[in-house]
């Protein structure tokens, strides 16, 4: 009996999106838009995800910070260090809570002072170039190359000049599934949901057996 044909890239992407296609911003309750508050919240989330801690805990900590009212750089800067520590603790963001509370306060101060609390100013200062935006993002405490990549992956649907943005983690997930790894090809498969596809591919890269699960389900789907 002949082997069944491999599922097409479109079928793989459909199955992938259904199983893993939720951005980290959506998980943190961020209604991402090209406006100052949600963009700042994404920066906070990228900072939390940059530590060596599970994504689930980072997302939970972000939700606690936002529930406490720290949704803008002004509110974050005006919160006491202890209040930030306490919010992180409620999200079980242990080991890094004190250091991160300091970084969030300092980062909010930097954003207020240099870009008037608006990350769109940072983008425009960099002429919308992804590489230059990444360099500027790394001026924030706690944001290194990985954190900048997280921010850019998630923001690309509302910052068209960044798209298509694909980093090594996304390419790793695509390779595991046998999908194209080039940004323009992934963008064609994703349509208007490249941020969701990128997040799903990152989860495939980070989760044991996720690629096999997606491939098997796509095979059943036909």
Protein backbone atom coordinates (compact mmCIF):
# COMPACT_ATOMS: atom_id res chain seq x y z
CA UNK A 1 0.00 0.00 0.00
CA UNK A 2 1.43 3.37 -1.01
CA UNK A 3 2.30 5.91 1.61
CA UNK A 4 -0.19 8.74 2.05
CA UNK A 5 0.99 12.01 0.49
CA UNK A 6 2.45 14.56 2.87
CA UNK A 7 0.02 17.29 3.90
CA UNK A 8 0.33 20.51 1.96
CA UNK A 9 1.86 23.61 3.57
CA UNK A 10 -1.58 25.23 3.68
CA UNK A 11 -3.07 22.28 5.56
CA UNK A 12 -0.12 22.22 7.96
CA UNK A 13 -0.50 25.93 8.65
CA UNK A 14 -4.24 25.59 9.23
CA UNK A 15 -3.68 22.81 11.77
CA UNK A 16 -0.80 24.69 13.34
CA UNK A 17 -2.86 27.84 13.77
CA UNK A 18 -5.74 25.94 15.34
CA UNK A 19 -3.49 24.22 17.88
CA UNK A 20 -0.86 26.82 18.71
CA UNK A 21 -1.80 30.03 16.90
CA UNK A 22 -2.24 32.43 19.79
CA UNK A 23 0.18 35.27 20.29
CA UNK A 24 1.80 35.79 23.66
CA UNK A 25 0.26 39.27 23.68
CA UNK A 26 -3.24 37.76 23.38
CA UNK A 27 -2.48 35.33 26.19
CA UNK A 28 -1.46 38.27 28.38
CA UNK A 29 -4.73 40.05 27.63
CA UNK A 30 -3.15 42.73 25.45
CA UNK A 31 -5.46 44.02 22.73
CA UNK A 32 -2.56 44.90 20.50
CA UNK A 33 -2.99 48.05 18.42
CA UNK A 34 -0.76 50.81 17.11
CA UNK A 35 -1.40 53.00 20.17
CA UNK A 36 0.89 53.82 23.11
CA UNK A 37 -0.64 51.74 25.91
CA UNK A 38 -0.82 48.30 24.26
CA UNK A 39 2.58 48.81 22.64
CA UNK A 40 4.03 49.52 26.07
CA UNK A 41 2.30 46.46 27.50
CA UNK A 42 3.96 44.37 24.79
CA UNK A 43 7.33 45.82 25.82
CA UNK A 44 6.64 44.79 29.42
CA UNK A 45 5.70 41.29 28.27
CA UNK A 46 8.86 41.02 26.14
CA UNK A 47 10.90 42.02 29.19
CA UNK A 48 9.28 39.32 31.31
CA UNK A 49 9.65 36.67 28.59
CA UNK A 50 13.35 37.47 28.28
CA UNK A 51 14.20 35.90 31.64
CA UNK A 52 14.97 32.19 32.01
CA UNK A 53 11.48 31.42 33.18
CA UNK A 54 8.53 29.65 31.59
CA UNK A 55 6.39 31.59 29.14
CA UNK A 56 3.28 30.72 31.15
CA UNK A 57 4.71 32.37 34.26
CA UNK A 58 5.87 35.42 32.31
CA UNK A 59 2.38 35.81 30.83
CA UNK A 60 0.76 35.39 34.26
CA UNK A 61 3.07 38.03 35.72
CA UNK A 62 2.23 40.44 32.90
CA UNK A 63 -1.48 39.96 33.55
CA UNK A 64 -0.94 40.74 37.24
CA UNK A 65 0.96 43.92 36.44
CA UNK A 66 -1.76 45.07 34.07
CA UNK A 67 -4.51 44.14 36.54
CA UNK A 68 -2.74 46.33 39.10
CA UNK A 69 -3.10 49.24 36.67
CA UNK A 70 0.46 49.38 35.32
CA UNK A 71 -0.57 49.55 31.68
CA UNK A 72 1.32 52.72 30.74
CA UNK A 73 4.91 53.80 31.33
CA UNK A 74 3.67 56.62 33.55
CA UNK A 75 1.69 54.24 35.77
CA UNK A 76 4.63 51.81 35.92
CA UNK A 77 7.07 54.59 36.83
CA UNK A 78 4.76 55.98 39.49
CA UNK A 79 4.19 52.58 41.13
CA UNK A 80 6.45 51.84 44.06
CA UNK A 81 9.17 49.26 43.64
CA UNK A 82 7.44 47.10 46.25
CA UNK A 83 4.12 47.30 44.42
CA UNK A 84 5.82 46.04 41.26
CA UNK A 85 7.51 43.24 43.22
CA UNK A 86 4.18 42.25 44.75
CA UNK A 87 2.42 42.12 41.38
CA UNK A 88 5.21 39.97 39.93
CA UNK A 89 4.98 37.71 42.97
CA UNK A 90 1.26 37.19 42.43
CA UNK A 91 2.18 35.90 38.97
CA UNK A 92 4.74 33.55 40.60
CA UNK A 93 7.57 35.38 38.86
CA UNK A 94 10.05 34.32 41.52
CA UNK A 95 13.86 34.64 41.58
CA UNK A 96 13.69 37.53 39.12
CA UNK A 97 11.00 39.62 40.80
CA UNK A 98 13.16 42.20 42.59
CA UNK A 99 15.56 42.73 39.70
CA UNK A 100 12.72 42.86 37.19
CA UNK A 101 10.75 45.35 39.30
CA UNK A 102 13.76 47.66 39.11
CA UNK A 103 14.20 47.14 35.37
CA UNK A 104 10.53 47.85 34.67
CA UNK A 105 10.69 51.10 36.62
CA UNK A 106 13.89 52.18 34.89
CA UNK A 107 12.56 51.18 31.47
CA UNK A 108 9.35 53.13 31.99
CA UNK A 109 11.42 56.16 32.96
CA UNK A 110 13.53 55.83 29.82
CA UNK A 111 10.46 55.54 27.60
CA UNK A 112 8.85 58.58 29.21
CA UNK A 113 11.97 60.71 28.99
CA UNK A 114 13.29 59.81 25.56
CA UNK A 115 10.18 58.90 23.56
CA UNK A 116 7.47 60.68 25.59
CA UNK A 117 5.90 57.33 26.56
CA UNK A 118 5.18 56.37 22.96
CA UNK A 119 7.01 53.50 21.25
CA UNK A 120 5.77 54.74 17.89
CA UNK A 121 8.28 57.55 18.29
CA UNK A 122 11.03 54.96 18.69
CA UNK A 123 9.83 53.21 15.53
CA UNK A 124 9.68 56.44 13.56
CA UNK A 125 13.10 57.51 14.81
CA UNK A 126 14.39 54.23 13.33
CA UNK A 127 12.49 54.86 10.06
CA UNK A 128 10.52 51.69 10.69
CA UNK A 129 13.59 49.54 10.02
CA UNK A 130 13.43 46.28 12.00
CA UNK A 131 17.17 46.14 12.68
CA UNK A 132 17.30 49.70 13.96
CA UNK A 133 14.15 49.25 16.01
CA UNK A 134 15.72 46.16 17.58
CA UNK A 135 18.83 48.15 18.50
CA UNK A 136 16.76 50.85 20.18
CA UNK A 137 14.65 48.30 22.05
CA UNK A 138 17.82 46.87 23.54
CA UNK A 139 18.43 50.15 25.33
CA UNK A 140 15.64 49.14 27.72
CA UNK A 141 16.83 47.25 30.81
CA UNK A 142 16.15 43.54 30.47
CA UNK A 143 15.69 43.62 26.69
CA UNK A 144 18.43 41.88 24.76
CA UNK A 145 18.38 40.41 21.25
CA UNK A 146 15.86 37.73 22.29
CA UNK A 147 13.52 40.25 23.90
CA UNK A 148 13.72 42.54 20.88
CA UNK A 149 12.85 39.59 18.63
CA UNK A 150 9.84 38.72 20.79
CA UNK A 151 8.57 42.29 20.53
CA UNK A 152 9.09 42.45 16.76
CA UNK A 153 7.48 39.06 16.11
CA UNK A 154 4.37 40.12 17.97
CA UNK A 155 4.11 43.73 16.76
CA UNK A 156 4.50 43.09 13.04
CA UNK A 157 0.78 42.87 12.29
CA UNK A 158 0.26 46.45 13.56
CA UNK A 159 3.65 47.78 12.38
CA UNK A 160 3.62 46.89 8.65
CA UNK A 161 7.10 48.34 8.08
CA UNK A 162 8.49 45.56 10.31
CA UNK A 163 6.75 42.74 8.45
CA UNK A 164 7.52 40.14 7.46
CA UNK A 165 9.62 39.54 10.59
CA UNK A 166 10.94 36.02 11.11
CA UNK A 167 13.70 35.12 13.55
CA UNK A 168 15.70 31.96 14.23
CA UNK A 169 13.09 30.47 16.60
CA UNK A 170 10.37 30.85 13.97
CA UNK A 171 12.62 29.32 11.32
CA UNK A 172 13.42 26.40 13.65
CA UNK A 173 9.73 25.64 14.04
CA UNK A 174 9.13 25.95 10.31
CA UNK A 175 12.00 23.60 9.57
CA UNK A 176 10.65 21.00 12.00
CA UNK A 177 7.36 21.02 10.11
CA UNK A 178 8.93 21.06 6.66
CA UNK A 179 7.53 24.53 5.95
CA UNK A 180 9.43 27.25 4.09
CA UNK A 181 11.78 29.22 6.31
CA UNK A 182 11.98 32.38 4.19
CA UNK A 183 10.05 35.31 5.63
CA UNK A 184 8.23 36.17 2.39
CA UNK A 185 7.08 32.58 1.88
CA UNK A 186 5.82 32.28 5.46
CA UNK A 187 4.03 35.60 5.04
CA UNK A 188 2.16 34.23 2.00
CA UNK A 189 1.07 31.19 3.99
CA UNK A 190 0.03 33.32 6.96
CA UNK A 191 -1.94 35.96 5.11
CA UNK A 192 -2.70 38.74 7.58
CA UNK A 193 -1.83 36.58 10.61
CA UNK A 194 1.95 36.39 10.48
CA UNK A 195 2.30 37.23 14.18
CA UNK A 196 0.03 34.30 15.05
CA UNK A 197 1.91 31.97 12.74
CA UNK A 198 5.23 33.14 14.18
CA UNK A 199 4.02 32.49 17.73
CA UNK A 200 2.77 29.04 16.74
CA UNK A 201 6.08 28.13 15.10
CA UNK A 202 7.98 29.29 18.19
CA UNK A 203 5.83 26.96 20.30
CA UNK A 204 6.61 24.11 17.91
CA UNK A 205 10.31 24.86 18.27
CA UNK A 206 10.08 24.93 22.07
CA UNK A 207 7.61 22.08 22.71
CA UNK A 208 8.61 18.43 22.51
CA UNK A 209 6.57 16.40 20.01
CA UNK A 210 4.55 19.45 18.89
CA UNK A 211 5.72 19.14 15.29
CA UNK A 212 4.81 15.44 15.15
CA UNK A 213 1.40 16.23 16.65
CA UNK A 214 0.70 18.89 14.04
CA UNK A 215 1.89 16.71 11.17
CA UNK A 216 -0.27 13.76 12.31
CA UNK A 217 -3.36 15.94 12.67
CA UNK A 218 -2.75 17.56 9.28
CA UNK A 219 -2.36 14.11 7.73
CA UNK A 220 -5.75 13.08 9.17
CA UNK A 221 -7.28 16.30 7.93
CA UNK A 222 -6.00 15.55 4.45
